[in-house]
Amino acid sequence: MAITTYSELQSSIADYLNRADLTSVVPTFIDLAEAQINRDVRHWQMENRATTTFDGRYATRPSDWIMTQRMHLTGGSTTAMTLISQQAMAEKRMTANNASGKPLFYSHSESQFELYPTPDQSYTAEVLYYQKIPALTDSNTSNWLLSYAPDVYLYGSLIHSAPYLAEDGRTSVWASMYQAAVDQLNLQSETSKTSGAGLKLRVRGLG
């Protein structure tokens, strides 16, 4: 059967397990799969841009944030910001006595961005980051991943069914199929970013 909705995914999981008595726990298998998928998949469809304002030492990351790709200040000329470690951030603050000014560096601190120098006014910034895949629910019945790669959802959910059903021998089977699907999805994303580049034709001048 086709797997295009949350309900169809639940039915397919039950079919693969040949069990009709798992209605209450199949959503948990899917929840666990989504947590794992967010750790394993890095696809261009997970990329998101967010505009924010920096007006203090710390700024809260987007709620659906997974990983920052790049960040830069906007308004007037664009200024790229450089990611540094927390140790490097601490050293900059010590050697420059917590200087304030236009922020040029950032680090990740708990659920926030730490900025240096500490902004001396409000700055507009754009953050490009990987966002979490929208979770499937009874009201959010599909998302781009289910439409594009339902096998990732199916095999990911089946991995988490095995311990519950005390069928640990099946874990390696589902895990192998899941990993193959994830690898292909990630590879497809990387390939698509360079598609269309083609070969350049060099024309020699006459004479």
Protein backbone atom coordinates (compact mmCIF):
# COMPACT_ATOMS: atom_id res chain seq x y z
CA MET A 1 0.00 0.00 0.00
CA ALA A 2 1.07 3.60 -0.53
CA ILE A 3 2.47 5.44 2.48
CA THR A 4 1.50 9.09 2.14
CA THR A 5 -0.15 9.91 5.48
CA TYR A 6 0.40 9.36 9.18
CA SER A 7 -2.46 6.88 9.26
CA GLU A 8 -1.10 4.90 6.31
CA LEU A 9 2.33 4.80 7.94
CA GLN A 10 0.81 3.34 11.12
CA SER A 11 -1.07 0.72 9.10
CA SER A 12 2.07 -0.25 7.17
CA ILE A 13 4.05 -0.69 10.37
CA ALA A 14 1.35 -2.99 11.74
CA ASP A 15 1.31 -4.92 8.44
CA TYR A 16 5.08 -5.41 8.43
CA LEU A 17 4.93 -6.67 12.01
CA ASN A 18 1.84 -8.78 11.24
CA ARG A 19 0.24 -7.41 14.39
CA ALA A 20 -3.17 -5.79 14.75
CA ASP A 21 -2.91 -5.14 18.49
CA LEU A 22 -0.29 -2.37 18.51
CA THR A 23 -2.50 0.64 17.82
CA SER A 24 -1.58 2.37 21.06
CA VAL A 25 2.21 1.95 20.72
CA VAL A 26 2.86 2.40 16.98
CA PRO A 27 2.78 6.23 17.39
CA THR A 28 5.58 5.84 19.95
CA PHE A 29 7.65 3.88 17.43
CA ILE A 30 7.17 6.77 15.00
CA ASP A 31 8.10 9.37 17.64
CA LEU A 32 11.32 7.50 18.42
CA ALA A 33 12.08 7.17 14.70
CA GLU A 34 11.65 10.92 14.23
CA ALA A 35 14.11 11.63 17.02
CA GLN A 36 16.66 9.36 15.35
CA ILE A 37 15.95 10.74 11.87
CA ASN A 38 16.61 14.28 13.08
CA ARG A 39 20.03 13.10 14.26
CA ASP A 40 20.87 11.17 11.09
CA VAL A 41 19.38 13.01 8.11
CA ARG A 42 20.88 16.20 6.68
CA HIS A 43 18.87 17.14 3.61
CA TRP A 44 18.50 20.44 1.82
CA GLN A 45 14.78 20.39 2.60
CA MET A 46 15.72 20.74 6.28
CA GLU A 47 17.47 24.05 5.60
CA ASN A 48 15.75 27.15 6.91
CA ARG A 49 16.53 30.86 7.12
CA ALA A 50 15.52 32.90 10.13
CA THR A 51 15.89 36.62 10.71
CA THR A 52 16.64 37.68 14.25
CA THR A 53 17.82 40.69 16.25
CA PHE A 54 21.01 40.69 18.31
CA ASP A 55 20.89 43.26 21.10
CA GLY A 56 22.69 41.52 23.96
CA ARG A 57 25.39 39.00 24.80
CA TYR A 58 23.04 36.05 24.22
CA ALA A 59 20.36 35.33 21.64
CA THR A 60 17.92 32.41 21.69
CA ARG A 61 18.24 29.83 18.93
CA PRO A 62 15.16 28.94 16.83
CA SER A 63 12.94 26.39 18.57
CA ASP A 64 13.31 23.90 15.70
CA TRP A 65 17.11 24.33 15.47
CA ILE A 66 19.37 21.32 14.94
CA MET A 67 22.60 22.72 13.53
CA THR A 68 23.85 26.09 12.34
CA GLN A 69 25.24 26.30 8.81
CA ARG A 70 26.17 29.96 8.71
CA MET A 71 25.21 33.28 10.20
CA HIS A 72 25.72 36.86 9.08
CA LEU A 73 24.66 40.37 9.93
CA THR A 74 22.41 42.16 7.44
CA GLY A 75 21.44 45.76 6.94
CA GLY A 76 23.77 47.91 4.93
CA SER A 77 26.69 45.68 4.02
CA THR A 78 26.54 41.96 4.86
CA THR A 79 29.04 40.81 7.48
CA ALA A 80 29.76 37.11 7.98
CA MET A 81 30.03 35.91 11.57
CA THR A 82 32.60 33.30 12.58
CA LEU A 83 31.85 30.30 14.78
CA ILE A 84 34.35 29.81 17.62
CA SER A 85 34.56 27.41 20.55
CA GLN A 86 33.39 28.31 24.05
CA GLN A 87 37.03 28.29 25.16
CA ALA A 88 37.96 30.78 22.43
CA MET A 89 34.98 32.90 23.42
CA ALA A 90 36.11 32.98 27.04
CA GLU A 91 39.65 33.93 26.01
CA LYS A 92 38.41 36.80 23.83
CA ARG A 93 36.33 38.16 26.70
CA MET A 94 39.25 37.97 29.13
CA THR A 95 41.83 39.56 26.87
CA ALA A 96 39.53 42.34 25.62
CA ASN A 97 37.71 42.98 28.91
CA ASN A 98 34.26 42.05 27.55
CA ALA A 99 34.42 44.53 24.70
CA SER A 100 31.20 45.75 23.09
CA GLY A 101 30.67 46.64 19.46
CA LYS A 102 29.59 44.98 16.23
CA PRO A 103 29.39 41.21 16.88
CA LEU A 104 31.75 39.25 14.62
CA PHE A 105 31.97 35.90 16.43
CA TYR A 106 29.49 33.48 17.94
CA SER A 107 29.52 30.24 19.90
CA HIS A 108 26.82 27.84 21.05
CA SER A 109 25.97 28.13 24.72
CA GLU A 110 23.16 25.88 26.01
CA SER A 111 20.14 26.82 23.87
CA GLN A 112 21.53 30.19 22.85
CA PHE A 113 24.05 31.94 20.65
CA GLU A 114 26.73 33.79 22.58
CA LEU A 115 28.01 36.83 20.66
CA TYR A 116 31.31 38.71 20.67
CA PRO A 117 31.84 41.57 20.88
CA THR A 118 28.68 42.08 22.92
CA PRO A 119 26.35 44.09 20.66
CA ASP A 120 26.46 47.80 21.42
CA GLN A 121 23.12 48.32 19.64
CA SER A 122 20.50 46.23 17.86
CA TYR A 123 21.80 44.29 14.84
CA THR A 124 19.70 42.34 12.37
CA ALA A 125 21.07 38.92 11.52
CA GLU A 126 20.15 36.04 9.25
CA VAL A 127 20.74 32.47 10.41
CA LEU A 128 20.84 29.55 7.98
CA TYR A 129 20.33 26.31 9.89
CA TYR A 130 19.04 22.78 9.73
CA GLN A 131 15.59 22.56 11.28
CA LYS A 132 13.80 19.59 12.78
CA ILE A 133 11.50 17.68 10.46
CA PRO A 134 7.88 18.61 11.30
CA ALA A 135 6.54 15.78 13.47
CA LEU A 136 3.66 13.67 12.20
CA THR A 137 0.47 13.85 14.23
CA ASP A 138 -3.23 13.26 13.74
CA SER A 139 -3.52 16.90 12.69
CA ASN A 140 -0.23 17.14 10.76
CA THR A 141 -0.70 14.04 8.65
CA SER A 142 2.24 14.41 6.27
CA ASN A 143 5.52 16.23 5.72
CA TRP A 144 8.19 16.43 3.03
CA LEU A 145 10.08 13.38 4.32
CA LEU A 146 7.07 11.08 4.35
CA SER A 147 6.21 12.21 0.82
CA TYR A 148 9.75 11.89 -0.46
CA ALA A 149 11.24 8.96 1.50
CA PRO A 150 8.56 6.91 3.30
CA ASP A 151 11.06 4.03 3.62
CA VAL A 152 13.12 6.10 6.08
CA TYR A 153 10.04 6.52 8.28
CA LEU A 154 8.96 2.90 7.94
CA TYR A 155 12.29 1.21 8.68
CA GLY A 156 13.13 3.76 11.37
CA SER A 157 9.88 2.96 13.16
CA LEU A 158 10.40 -0.79 12.79
CA ILE A 159 13.82 -0.52 14.46
CA HIS A 160 12.13 0.74 17.60
CA SER A 161 9.42 -1.90 17.48
CA ALA A 162 11.91 -4.76 17.91
CA PRO A 163 12.88 -4.18 21.56
CA TYR A 164 9.24 -3.64 22.50
CA LEU A 165 8.25 -6.92 20.88
CA ALA A 166 11.32 -8.74 22.24
CA GLU A 167 12.38 -9.47 18.67
CA ASP A 168 15.94 -8.20 18.94
CA GLY A 169 16.99 -10.42 16.04
CA ARG A 170 15.00 -8.19 13.70
CA THR A 171 16.76 -5.03 14.84
CA SER A 172 19.77 -5.54 12.57
CA VAL A 173 17.49 -6.19 9.57
CA TRP A 174 15.48 -3.00 10.05
CA ALA A 175 18.61 -1.01 10.97
CA SER A 176 20.39 -2.07 7.79
CA MET A 177 17.46 -1.08 5.60
CA TYR A 178 17.02 2.18 7.50
CA GLN A 179 20.69 3.11 7.17
CA ALA A 180 20.71 2.37 3.45
CA ALA A 181 17.68 4.63 2.95
CA VAL A 182 19.24 7.43 5.04
CA ASP A 183 22.57 7.19 3.19
CA GLN A 184 20.82 7.42 -0.17
CA LEU A 185 18.74 10.39 0.99
CA ASN A 186 21.77 12.29 2.30
CA LEU A 187 23.75 11.51 -0.85
CA GLN A 188 20.90 12.69 -3.05
CA SER A 189 20.85 15.97 -1.15
CA GLU A 190 24.58 16.52 -1.59
CA THR A 191 24.40 15.65 -5.28
CA SER A 192 21.48 18.01 -5.88
CA LYS A 193 23.48 20.96 -4.49
CA THR A 194 25.97 20.68 -7.33
CA SER A 195 23.59 19.58 -10.08
CA GLY A 196 23.39 21.70 -13.19
CA ALA A 197 26.97 22.92 -12.91
CA GLY A 198 27.93 21.12 -16.13
CA LEU A 199 31.16 21.52 -18.04
CA LYS A 200 32.40 24.90 -19.18
CA LEU A 201 33.34 25.26 -22.83
CA ARG A 202 36.56 27.13 -23.34
CA VAL A 203 36.72 28.97 -26.66
CA ARG A 204 40.20 29.75 -27.91
CA GLY A 205 40.77 33.07 -29.53
CA LEU A 206 41.64 33.31 -33.22
CA GLY A 207 45.07 34.22 -34.53
